[in-house]
Protein backbone atom coordinates (compact mmCIF):
# COMPACT_ATOMS: atom_id res chain seq x y z
CA MET A 1 -1.76 14.01 7.54
CA THR A 2 -0.66 16.45 5.00
CA ASP A 3 0.16 14.34 2.07
CA ASN A 4 -1.25 15.30 -1.20
CA ASN A 5 -2.60 13.10 -3.66
CA ASP A 6 -1.18 14.42 -6.56
CA ASP A 7 2.31 12.84 -5.49
CA TYR A 8 1.30 9.69 -4.55
CA ARG A 9 3.12 7.19 -6.83
CA PRO A 10 1.42 3.55 -6.97
CA ILE A 11 3.31 0.45 -6.21
CA ASP A 12 4.29 -1.98 -7.83
CA CYS A 13 1.95 -5.28 -7.40
CA GLY A 14 4.46 -7.53 -6.77
CA VAL A 15 5.50 -5.91 -3.82
CA TYR A 16 1.73 -4.95 -2.59
CA SER A 17 1.43 -8.49 -2.62
CA GLY A 18 4.70 -9.17 -0.61
CA TYR A 19 3.26 -7.07 2.36
CA GLU A 20 -0.15 -8.91 2.09
CA LEU A 21 1.80 -12.03 2.61
CA ALA A 22 3.61 -10.51 5.32
CA ILE A 23 0.31 -9.52 6.97
CA MET A 24 -0.90 -13.16 6.64
CA HIS A 25 1.89 -14.58 8.13
CA ARG A 26 2.28 -12.29 10.64
CA ASP A 27 5.59 -11.73 10.11
CA ARG A 28 7.31 -8.74 11.70
CA LEU A 29 9.50 -6.44 8.93
CA GLN A 30 12.53 -4.01 9.12
CA VAL A 31 11.05 -1.16 7.54
CA HIS A 32 12.74 1.93 5.99
CA TRP A 33 10.71 4.70 4.98
CA ARG A 34 10.47 8.47 4.39
CA ASP A 35 7.88 10.70 6.15
CA GLU A 36 5.99 13.44 4.82
CA VAL A 37 8.63 15.90 5.90
CA GLY A 38 11.61 13.96 4.48
CA MET A 39 12.73 12.55 7.69
CA ASP A 40 14.05 8.55 7.36
CA HIS A 41 12.87 5.90 9.62
CA ILE A 42 14.32 2.48 10.03
CA GLU A 43 12.18 0.39 12.66
CA ARG A 44 10.96 -3.39 13.11
CA LEU A 45 7.30 -3.26 12.56
CA ARG A 46 4.52 -5.63 12.15
CA PRO A 47 2.27 -4.88 9.44
CA LEU A 48 -1.39 -5.30 10.45
CA ASP A 49 -3.44 -4.07 6.97
CA LEU A 50 -3.53 -2.60 4.08
CA LYS A 51 -6.02 0.08 3.11
CA THR A 52 -6.79 2.98 0.37
CA ARG A 53 -7.81 6.20 1.27
CA ASN A 54 -8.15 9.32 -1.04
CA GLY A 55 -6.65 7.41 -3.87
CA GLN A 56 -3.17 6.43 -1.65
CA GLU A 57 -2.59 3.25 -0.22
CA PHE A 58 -1.25 2.73 3.48
CA MET A 59 0.07 -0.13 5.72
CA ILE A 60 -1.35 -0.16 9.33
CA VAL A 61 1.42 -1.41 11.18
CA GLU A 62 2.42 -1.91 15.00
CA THR A 63 5.68 -0.71 16.67
CA LEU A 64 7.14 -2.99 18.97
CA GLN A 65 5.80 -0.94 22.20
CA GLY A 66 2.14 -1.49 20.80
CA GLU A 67 1.69 1.96 18.76
CA ARG A 68 -0.07 1.49 15.62
CA ARG A 69 1.01 3.99 12.67
CA GLU A 70 -0.03 4.28 8.81
CA ILE A 71 2.89 4.33 6.34
CA ARG A 72 2.10 5.44 2.81
CA LEU A 73 3.24 2.73 0.58
CA ASP A 74 4.90 4.68 -1.79
CA ARG A 75 7.35 6.34 0.99
CA ILE A 76 8.55 2.97 2.14
CA ILE A 77 11.93 2.78 0.62
CA ALA A 78 12.83 -1.30 1.78
CA ALA A 79 11.17 -3.72 3.92
CA GLU A 80 12.50 -6.77 4.82
CA LYS A 81 11.23 -9.96 6.77
CA VAL A 82 13.17 -10.06 10.14
CA VAL A 83 14.70 -13.45 10.66
CA GLY A 84 13.54 -15.37 13.79
CA GLU A 85 10.77 -13.15 14.74
CA GLY A 86 7.77 -14.66 13.95
CA PRO A 87 4.12 -14.55 15.53
CA PRO A 88 4.13 -13.86 19.24
């Protein structure tokens, strides 16, 4: 990953808490984020964990196909719970 720590912007504590709740409830989220090259993505994902590395915060997610990814939290533009898609 080529992300530079200098441009990382911490997210609001309330938003972080919302991600923690989604993980605890095993919710599926519709996530809109921008990757490190500026490309926008919108995808349904299941958040699995949050972690900090080198002063940056990331959400570990699983795609519908079972692939795991890390999304830097300050690159998430929007994340909404997908209604009717709870735990498997």
